[in-house]
Amino acid sequence: MMITVTYRIETTGSVEAMAAKIASDQSTGTFVPVPGETEELKARVAARVIAIRHLPDAEYPTWPEVAPGSGPIHRADADIAFPMDAIGTDLSALMTIAIGGVFSIKGMSGIRIVDMKLPEAFATAHPGPQFGLPGSRRLTGVEGRPIIGTIVKPALGLRPHETAELVGELIESGVDFIKDDEKLMSPAYSPLKERVAAIMPKILDHEQKTGKKVMYAFGISHADPDEMMRNHDLVLKAGGNCAVVNINSIGFGGMSFLRKRSGLVLHAHRNGWDILTRDPGAGLDFKVYQQFWRLLGVDQFQINGIRIKYWEPDDSFVESFKAVSTPLFSKADCPLPVAGSGQWGGQAPDTYNRTGRTTDLLYLCGGGIVSHPGGPAAGVRAVQQAWQAAVADIPLDEYAKDHPELAASIAKFGDGKAA
């Protein structure tokens, strides 16, 4: 069994030589021969280059290590296979050996990890999602359409009773899902314990009256796994069923600790991922990054959306959606994709068409719901109407003629300012 990683190499030297150096340096090689480095050892645990696909030369180097004009900057995708004996199924070992160390190798003006294929052994070594897409649908009671969600706004500054008042209004609006902003965990002005105590009675009272339990995702992230677990237990004991987890902040160990003990749907926010990927000539693709977190057990995965307020282009969102929706080993390891960032009903048709005409997603709108001229309830209806139009292939402007909430939403957010 082999682990195959694809590196996009950029160098003024030989791509083939650089690929061989990566394979050697990241497995058995050192800068001088050492005792014990036998041919038998190399055959058992040494990485090897199995394919190289040349790409057009780069016009400029990604890193200043190579000065512009110093010669052609060659690029190629190199597939390197690592024996399971060298890494095993430990994700920290995989990150250290196959990814982390390559960025310190001399002679490159850029390198990016663009793909990774793992053997079946990883599926049995890690838990994967506990709830995923089917569990999220079951707990929200939503079938046949996107789960419609919103975010408590303003993101910071509201005290628990103020947050609860807004949540009460949102619950009555018909929304399916509400979340704390990822920046809200347990600050002095809004301790998690007090926020849970203020919000959950409204959630449970609404469920008693209507039969619909709105899923609320509380921010439980903490650098101390024990404290994060106490936060988790607070939410679960109060009747909650979801938590926002800042995955890059808590790390692999924190995520593993939480997932193995969790009774909540784990909503992954990937803030910090941009540090790893924003430079197109360095870092790693989301296609690679998301595999780690899916194996560790996230249930819902935020991946931005169409025409967002941040830097990421639409094509990147589409590729991210495809990545999280494609089984690693089985459908059970697919989390629920979450489209967010500056969303309102206006992006529904493009989202639907560019993601394979599926409604299997959580469509998360902040200002696109709560800032609707008719209030949050009208905002929810406007987003639902936009998705009805998208699925029916009816232009939004035409559908809006008989749907006033959508018409008001187009008038308010048609300039794209729904963040």
Protein backbone atom coordinates (compact mmCIF):
# COMPACT_ATOMS: atom_id res chain seq x y z
CA MET A 1 0.00 0.00 0.00
CA MET A 2 1.25 3.44 -0.95
CA ILE A 3 0.35 7.03 -0.12
CA THR A 4 0.61 9.17 -3.26
CA VAL A 5 1.15 12.92 -3.01
CA THR A 6 1.27 15.27 -6.01
CA TYR A 7 3.68 18.22 -5.77
CA ARG A 8 3.58 21.18 -8.15
CA ILE A 9 7.29 21.96 -8.39
CA GLU A 10 8.70 25.28 -9.58
CA THR A 11 12.47 25.53 -10.15
CA THR A 12 15.10 27.01 -12.46
CA GLY A 13 16.89 23.66 -12.31
CA SER A 14 15.80 20.18 -13.27
CA VAL A 15 12.29 19.26 -12.20
CA GLU A 16 13.23 15.59 -12.30
CA ALA A 17 16.20 16.16 -10.00
CA MET A 18 14.07 18.21 -7.60
CA ALA A 19 11.37 15.53 -7.47
CA ALA A 20 14.00 12.91 -6.69
CA LYS A 21 15.40 15.15 -3.96
CA ILE A 22 11.96 15.54 -2.36
CA ALA A 23 11.46 11.76 -2.39
CA SER A 24 14.88 11.20 -0.85
CA ASP A 25 14.86 14.02 1.71
CA GLN A 26 11.38 13.19 2.97
CA SER A 27 12.07 9.50 3.47
CA THR A 28 15.46 7.81 3.87
CA GLY A 29 17.86 10.40 2.45
CA THR A 30 20.33 12.66 4.25
CA PHE A 31 22.91 15.09 2.85
CA VAL A 32 25.66 12.51 3.43
CA PRO A 33 25.51 8.68 3.51
CA VAL A 34 25.06 7.35 7.06
CA PRO A 35 25.61 3.93 8.65
CA GLY A 36 22.51 1.78 8.46
CA GLU A 37 21.21 3.33 5.24
CA THR A 38 21.05 -0.03 3.46
CA GLU A 39 19.45 -0.92 0.15
CA GLU A 40 17.02 -3.17 2.03
CA LEU A 41 15.94 -0.24 4.20
CA LYS A 42 15.48 1.96 1.14
CA ALA A 43 13.39 -0.66 -0.61
CA ARG A 44 11.10 -0.91 2.42
CA VAL A 45 10.51 2.73 3.37
CA ALA A 46 11.99 5.02 0.71
CA ALA A 47 9.63 7.27 -1.24
CA ARG A 48 9.89 7.18 -5.01
CA VAL A 49 8.87 9.35 -7.94
CA ILE A 50 6.25 7.53 -10.02
CA ALA A 51 5.22 10.22 -12.56
CA ILE A 52 6.13 13.70 -13.74
CA ARG A 53 3.85 15.88 -15.88
CA HIS A 54 5.47 19.02 -17.22
CA LEU A 55 3.57 22.34 -17.16
CA PRO A 56 4.24 25.65 -18.94
CA ASP A 57 7.12 27.64 -17.46
CA ALA A 58 6.25 30.33 -14.91
CA GLU A 59 6.74 33.96 -15.85
CA TYR A 60 7.75 35.00 -12.32
CA PRO A 61 9.04 33.02 -9.33
CA THR A 62 6.69 32.46 -6.42
CA TRP A 63 9.47 33.02 -3.88
CA PRO A 64 12.29 35.61 -4.08
CA GLU A 65 14.87 32.85 -3.62
CA VAL A 66 15.22 32.94 -7.41
CA ALA A 67 15.58 36.41 -8.93
CA PRO A 68 13.44 37.27 -11.97
CA GLY A 69 15.47 36.95 -15.16
CA SER A 70 17.82 34.30 -13.75
CA GLY A 71 16.59 31.72 -16.26
CA PRO A 72 13.45 29.82 -17.21
CA ILE A 73 11.31 28.80 -14.27
CA HIS A 74 10.28 25.23 -14.94
CA ARG A 75 7.06 23.77 -13.54
CA ALA A 76 5.73 20.23 -13.29
CA ASP A 77 3.41 18.05 -11.24
CA ALA A 78 5.31 15.18 -9.66
CA ASP A 79 3.60 12.16 -8.11
CA ILE A 80 5.63 10.72 -5.25
CA ALA A 81 4.64 7.49 -3.51
CA PHE A 82 5.38 6.88 0.18
CA PRO A 83 5.23 3.32 1.55
CA MET A 84 2.80 2.78 4.41
CA ASP A 85 5.74 1.37 6.41
CA ALA A 86 7.24 4.87 6.42
CA ILE A 87 4.14 6.78 7.58
CA GLY A 88 1.38 4.49 8.76
CA THR A 89 -2.09 6.00 9.26
CA ASP A 90 -1.05 8.73 11.72
CA LEU A 91 -2.21 12.06 10.25
CA SER A 92 0.48 14.04 12.08
CA ALA A 93 3.13 11.77 10.55
CA LEU A 94 1.53 12.20 7.13
CA MET A 95 1.56 15.98 7.48
CA THR A 96 5.14 16.05 8.77
CA ILE A 97 6.71 13.65 6.28
CA ALA A 98 4.77 14.19 3.07
CA ILE A 99 3.91 17.89 3.35
CA GLY A 100 5.56 19.94 6.08
CA GLY A 101 9.20 19.28 5.33
CA VAL A 102 9.18 19.89 1.58
CA PHE A 103 8.87 23.66 1.97
CA SER A 104 12.35 23.95 3.47
CA ILE A 105 14.16 22.20 0.61
CA LYS A 106 16.58 24.39 -1.33
CA GLY A 107 16.49 24.95 -5.06
CA MET A 108 12.82 25.68 -5.61
CA SER A 109 11.13 29.00 -6.29
CA GLY A 110 7.78 27.52 -5.27
CA ILE A 111 6.02 24.29 -4.37
CA ARG A 112 2.36 23.43 -3.84
CA ILE A 113 0.66 20.22 -2.75
CA VAL A 114 -2.15 19.70 -5.27
CA ASP A 115 -3.42 16.17 -4.66
CA MET A 116 -3.19 13.25 -2.26
CA LYS A 117 -4.50 9.70 -2.54
CA LEU A 118 -4.71 7.60 0.60
CA PRO A 119 -5.12 3.82 0.88
CA GLU A 120 -8.16 2.16 2.48
CA ALA A 121 -6.29 1.69 5.76
CA PHE A 122 -6.98 5.35 6.61
CA ALA A 123 -10.74 4.74 6.52
CA THR A 124 -10.62 2.23 9.36
CA ALA A 125 -8.00 4.15 11.36
CA HIS A 126 -10.09 7.33 11.73
CA PRO A 127 -13.74 7.88 12.71
CA GLY A 128 -14.91 10.24 9.95
CA PRO A 129 -18.16 12.23 10.32
CA GLN A 130 -20.57 11.13 13.02
CA PHE A 131 -23.57 12.93 11.49
CA GLY A 132 -22.49 14.34 8.12
CA LEU A 133 -25.08 15.24 5.52
CA PRO A 134 -27.78 12.69 6.45
CA GLY A 135 -27.53 13.47 10.16
CA SER A 136 -27.74 17.20 9.52
CA ARG A 137 -30.87 16.69 7.45
CA ARG A 138 -32.43 14.41 10.04
CA LEU A 139 -31.80 16.81 12.93
CA THR A 140 -33.07 19.88 11.05
CA GLY A 141 -35.98 18.03 9.45
CA VAL A 142 -35.12 19.45 6.04
CA GLU A 143 -35.39 17.27 2.93
CA GLY A 144 -35.50 18.05 -0.78
CA ARG A 145 -34.04 21.55 -0.52
CA PRO A 146 -30.99 23.27 0.93
CA ILE A 147 -30.82 23.75 4.70
CA ILE A 148 -31.18 27.53 5.07
CA GLY A 149 -29.01 29.08 7.76
CA THR A 150 -28.02 32.44 9.17
CA ILE A 151 -25.46 33.97 11.54
CA VAL A 152 -26.02 36.09 14.63
CA LYS A 153 -25.21 39.67 13.64
CA PRO A 154 -23.45 41.77 14.83
CA ALA A 155 -20.84 39.06 15.17
CA LEU A 156 -19.23 40.55 18.29
CA GLY A 157 -20.44 42.74 21.12
CA LEU A 158 -23.91 41.37 21.85
CA ARG A 159 -24.50 40.24 25.43
CA PRO A 160 -26.26 36.91 26.06
CA HIS A 161 -29.75 38.37 26.54
CA GLU A 162 -29.34 40.54 23.43
CA THR A 163 -28.20 37.53 21.41
CA ALA A 164 -31.16 35.53 22.69
CA GLU A 165 -33.60 38.24 21.65
CA LEU A 166 -32.26 38.17 18.11
CA VAL A 167 -32.24 34.38 18.08
CA GLY A 168 -35.88 34.36 19.17
CA GLU A 169 -36.77 36.49 16.15
CA LEU A 170 -34.71 34.30 13.84
CA ILE A 171 -36.32 31.11 15.16
CA GLU A 172 -39.76 32.49 14.37
CA SER A 173 -38.60 33.37 10.84
CA GLY A 174 -38.61 29.76 9.68
CA VAL A 175 -34.83 29.45 9.39
CA ASP A 176 -33.36 25.96 9.77
CA PHE A 177 -29.93 26.72 11.21
CA ILE A 178 -28.29 29.54 13.21
CA LYS A 179 -24.66 29.82 14.21
CA ASP A 180 -22.36 31.86 16.36
CA ASP A 181 -19.81 33.73 14.31
CA GLU A 182 -16.48 31.88 14.35
CA LYS A 183 -14.93 34.80 16.27
CA LEU A 184 -17.39 34.34 19.13
CA MET A 185 -16.32 31.72 21.66
CA SER A 186 -16.54 32.71 25.33
CA PRO A 187 -15.56 36.37 25.74
CA ALA A 188 -16.11 38.24 29.01
CA TYR A 189 -19.17 40.07 27.68
CA SER A 190 -20.78 36.84 26.44
CA PRO A 191 -19.59 33.74 28.33
CA LEU A 192 -20.62 30.56 26.57
CA LYS A 193 -22.41 29.27 29.68
CA GLU A 194 -24.62 32.36 29.85
CA ARG A 195 -25.22 32.38 26.10
CA VAL A 196 -26.35 28.76 26.11
CA ALA A 197 -28.60 29.40 29.10
CA ALA A 198 -30.23 32.35 27.31
CA ILE A 199 -30.64 30.77 23.87
CA MET A 200 -31.54 27.10 24.39
CA PRO A 201 -34.87 27.71 26.18
CA LYS A 202 -36.04 29.62 23.11
CA ILE A 203 -34.93 26.79 20.82
CA LEU A 204 -36.65 24.15 22.96
CA ASP A 205 -39.82 26.19 23.49
CA HIS A 206 -40.15 26.67 19.73
CA GLU A 207 -39.67 22.93 19.24
CA GLN A 208 -42.43 22.18 21.76
CA LYS A 209 -44.82 24.53 19.98
CA THR A 210 -44.04 23.65 16.36
CA GLY A 211 -42.17 20.35 16.30
CA LYS A 212 -39.27 22.04 14.51
CA LYS A 213 -35.95 22.21 16.33
CA VAL A 214 -33.76 24.89 14.81
CA MET A 215 -30.13 23.76 14.82
CA TYR A 216 -27.97 26.27 16.70
CA ALA A 217 -24.18 25.98 16.42
CA PHE A 218 -22.42 27.39 19.50
CA GLY A 219 -18.75 28.38 19.33
CA ILE A 220 -16.92 25.93 21.61
CA SER A 221 -13.32 26.17 20.31
CA HIS A 222 -10.53 26.30 22.87
CA ALA A 223 -6.79 25.60 22.77
CA ASP A 224 -7.16 23.36 25.84
CA PRO A 225 -8.99 20.17 24.76
CA ASP A 226 -10.36 19.62 28.26
CA GLU A 227 -11.87 23.11 28.33
CA MET A 228 -13.28 22.62 24.83
CA MET A 229 -14.86 19.38 26.03
CA ARG A 230 -16.43 21.20 28.97
CA ASN A 231 -17.86 23.69 26.47
CA HIS A 232 -19.20 20.80 24.42
CA ASP A 233 -20.85 19.27 27.48
CA LEU A 234 -22.51 22.57 28.37
CA VAL A 235 -24.20 22.68 24.97
CA LEU A 236 -25.18 19.00 24.94
CA LYS A 237 -26.59 19.05 28.48
CA ALA A 238 -28.74 22.09 27.63
CA GLY A 239 -30.29 20.25 24.67
CA GLY A 240 -28.11 21.67 21.91
CA ASN A 241 -27.05 19.59 18.94
CA CYS A 242 -24.33 21.55 17.09
CA ALA A 243 -21.04 23.36 17.66
CA VAL A 244 -18.79 25.65 15.60
CA VAL A 245 -15.19 24.43 15.65
CA ASN A 246 -12.28 26.55 14.39
CA ILE A 247 -10.32 23.61 13.08
CA ASN A 248 -6.99 25.32 12.36
CA SER A 249 -6.98 26.87 15.82
CA ILE A 250 -7.57 23.63 17.73
CA GLY A 251 -5.38 21.44 15.50
CA PHE A 252 -5.45 17.74 14.65
CA GLY A 253 -5.09 16.64 18.27
CA GLY A 254 -7.90 18.88 19.51
CA MET A 255 -10.21 17.74 16.73
CA SER A 256 -9.45 14.07 17.36
CA PHE A 257 -10.00 14.48 21.12
CA LEU A 258 -13.34 16.22 20.55
CA ARG A 259 -14.71 13.90 17.86
CA LYS A 260 -14.11 10.74 19.88
CA ARG A 261 -16.18 12.14 22.76
CA SER A 262 -18.71 14.26 20.88
CA GLY A 263 -22.49 14.06 20.81
CA LEU A 264 -22.82 17.24 18.74
CA VAL A 265 -22.79 17.96 15.02
CA LEU A 266 -19.34 19.49 14.41
CA HIS A 267 -19.50 22.50 12.10
CA ALA A 268 -15.98 23.17 10.81
CA HIS A 269 -14.87 26.72 10.13
CA ARG A 270 -11.62 26.80 8.16
CA ASN A 271 -10.41 30.32 9.08
CA GLY A 272 -6.65 30.36 8.65
CA TRP A 273 -6.76 28.11 5.59
CA ASP A 274 -6.03 31.16 3.45
CA ILE A 275 -2.55 31.36 5.01
CA LEU A 276 -1.88 27.94 3.52
CA THR A 277 -3.37 28.44 0.08
CA ARG A 278 -3.75 32.05 -1.04
CA ASP A 279 -0.45 32.10 -2.94
CA PRO A 280 -1.20 29.96 -6.03
CA GLY A 281 2.43 28.83 -6.32
CA ALA A 282 2.82 27.63 -2.72
CA GLY A 283 0.94 25.95 0.10
CA LEU A 284 -1.69 23.31 -0.57
CA ASP A 285 -4.97 22.86 -2.38
CA PHE A 286 -8.21 22.48 -0.44
CA LYS A 287 -8.56 19.10 -2.16
CA VAL A 288 -5.66 17.91 0.01
CA TYR A 289 -6.33 19.92 3.16
CA GLN A 290 -9.94 18.77 3.57
CA GLN A 291 -9.02 15.09 3.63
CA PHE A 292 -7.37 15.42 7.04
CA TRP A 293 -10.40 17.04 8.67
CA ARG A 294 -12.90 14.65 7.12
CA LEU A 295 -10.96 11.69 8.44
CA LEU A 296 -10.85 13.35 11.87
CA GLY A 297 -14.63 13.68 11.81
CA VAL A 298 -16.07 17.09 10.85
CA ASP A 299 -19.79 16.89 9.99
CA GLN A 300 -20.28 20.22 8.22
CA PHE A 301 -17.58 22.09 6.29
CA GLN A 302 -17.67 25.82 5.46
CA ILE A 303 -16.22 26.47 2.00
CA ASN A 304 -17.27 30.04 1.09
CA GLY A 305 -19.57 30.42 -1.93
CA ILE A 306 -20.33 32.17 -5.22
CA ARG A 307 -19.44 35.89 -5.45
CA ILE A 308 -18.23 36.11 -1.87
CA LYS A 309 -16.95 39.13 0.03
CA TYR A 310 -13.44 37.65 0.32
CA TRP A 311 -10.63 36.97 -2.15
CA GLU A 312 -11.53 33.45 -3.24
CA PRO A 313 -12.74 33.12 -6.87
CA ASP A 314 -15.89 31.21 -7.76
CA ASP A 315 -13.93 28.39 -9.43
CA SER A 316 -12.15 27.72 -6.15
CA PHE A 317 -15.48 27.36 -4.34
CA VAL A 318 -16.72 24.97 -7.02
CA GLU A 319 -13.60 22.83 -6.64
CA SER A 320 -13.96 22.87 -2.85
CA PHE A 321 -17.59 21.79 -3.13
CA LYS A 322 -16.61 18.93 -5.43
CA ALA A 323 -13.83 17.89 -3.03
CA VAL A 324 -16.01 17.60 0.09
CA SER A 325 -18.84 15.96 -1.87
CA THR A 326 -16.61 13.25 -3.34
CA PRO A 327 -16.25 10.15 -1.14
CA LEU A 328 -12.76 9.40 0.08
CA PHE A 329 -13.74 5.79 0.68
CA SER A 330 -17.56 5.82 0.97
CA LYS A 331 -20.50 8.24 1.04
CA ALA A 332 -20.44 8.06 4.84
CA ASP A 333 -17.24 10.14 4.95
CA CYS A 334 -18.79 13.13 3.14
CA PRO A 335 -19.57 16.15 5.34
CA LEU A 336 -22.37 18.59 4.58
CA PRO A 337 -20.98 21.40 2.35
CA VAL A 338 -21.69 24.87 3.74
CA ALA A 339 -21.84 27.79 1.29
CA GLY A 340 -21.39 31.15 3.00
CA SER A 341 -19.81 34.62 2.92
CA GLY A 342 -21.92 37.44 1.52
CA GLN A 343 -24.67 35.07 0.36
CA TRP A 344 -28.27 35.97 -0.38
CA GLY A 345 -30.78 34.49 -2.79
CA GLY A 346 -29.02 36.04 -5.76
CA GLN A 347 -26.29 33.40 -5.84
CA ALA A 348 -28.72 30.45 -5.64
CA PRO A 349 -29.01 29.80 -9.42
CA ASP A 350 -25.25 29.83 -9.99
CA THR A 351 -24.64 27.76 -6.86
CA TYR A 352 -27.19 25.19 -7.97
CA ASN A 353 -25.89 24.94 -11.52
CA ARG A 354 -22.19 24.97 -10.72
CA THR A 355 -22.37 22.32 -8.00
CA GLY A 356 -24.02 19.64 -10.14
CA ARG A 357 -27.61 20.85 -9.64
CA THR A 358 -27.78 19.56 -6.09
CA THR A 359 -29.60 20.87 -3.05
CA ASP A 360 -27.42 18.91 -0.65
CA LEU A 361 -25.87 21.87 1.12
CA LEU A 362 -26.29 24.32 3.97
CA TYR A 363 -26.83 27.75 2.42
CA LEU A 364 -25.64 30.24 5.01
CA CYS A 365 -26.68 33.89 4.76
CA GLY A 366 -25.86 36.55 7.35
CA GLY A 367 -26.91 40.01 6.27
CA GLY A 368 -28.70 38.42 3.30
CA ILE A 369 -31.37 37.29 5.78
CA VAL A 370 -31.20 39.53 8.85
CA SER A 371 -30.88 42.76 6.83
CA HIS A 372 -33.83 42.10 4.52
CA PRO A 373 -36.11 45.18 4.35
CA GLY A 374 -39.03 43.09 5.60
CA GLY A 375 -37.10 41.58 8.50
CA PRO A 376 -35.52 38.14 9.04
CA ALA A 377 -38.68 36.15 8.28
CA ALA A 378 -38.98 37.85 4.91
CA GLY A 379 -35.27 37.26 4.42
CA VAL A 380 -35.69 33.52 4.95
CA ARG A 381 -38.64 33.39 2.56
CA ALA A 382 -36.65 35.33 -0.06
CA VAL A 383 -33.80 32.80 0.07
CA GLN A 384 -36.25 29.89 -0.11
CA GLN A 385 -37.94 31.51 -3.10
CA ALA A 386 -34.62 32.05 -4.83
CA TRP A 387 -33.83 28.35 -4.47
CA GLN A 388 -37.28 27.40 -5.74
CA ALA A 389 -36.60 29.52 -8.84
CA ALA A 390 -33.12 28.05 -9.27
CA VAL A 391 -34.35 24.45 -9.16
CA ALA A 392 -37.19 25.27 -11.57
CA ASP A 393 -34.79 27.11 -13.97
CA ILE A 394 -36.84 30.29 -13.69
CA PRO A 395 -34.88 33.59 -13.80
CA LEU A 396 -34.98 35.33 -10.43
CA ASP A 397 -36.39 38.57 -11.84
CA GLU A 398 -39.28 36.64 -13.38
CA TYR A 399 -39.96 34.62 -10.22
CA ALA A 400 -39.81 37.80 -8.14
CA LYS A 401 -42.87 39.23 -9.94
CA ASP A 402 -45.09 36.94 -7.85
CA HIS A 403 -42.84 36.74 -4.81
CA PRO A 404 -42.50 40.09 -3.05
CA GLU A 405 -39.88 38.94 -0.53
CA LEU A 406 -37.54 37.92 -3.34
CA ALA A 407 -38.27 41.16 -5.19
CA ALA A 408 -37.33 43.20 -2.12
CA SER A 409 -34.18 41.12 -1.67
CA ILE A 410 -33.11 41.79 -5.27
CA ALA A 411 -33.70 45.51 -4.79
CA LYS A 412 -31.70 45.52 -1.54
CA PHE A 413 -28.82 43.16 -2.35
CA GLY A 414 -28.64 43.24 -6.13
CA ASP A 415 -25.41 45.24 -5.86
CA GLY A 416 -23.84 42.29 -4.02
CA LYS A 417 -23.66 43.95 -0.61
CA ALA A 418 -25.25 41.31 1.58
CA ALA A 419 -22.29 40.62 3.86
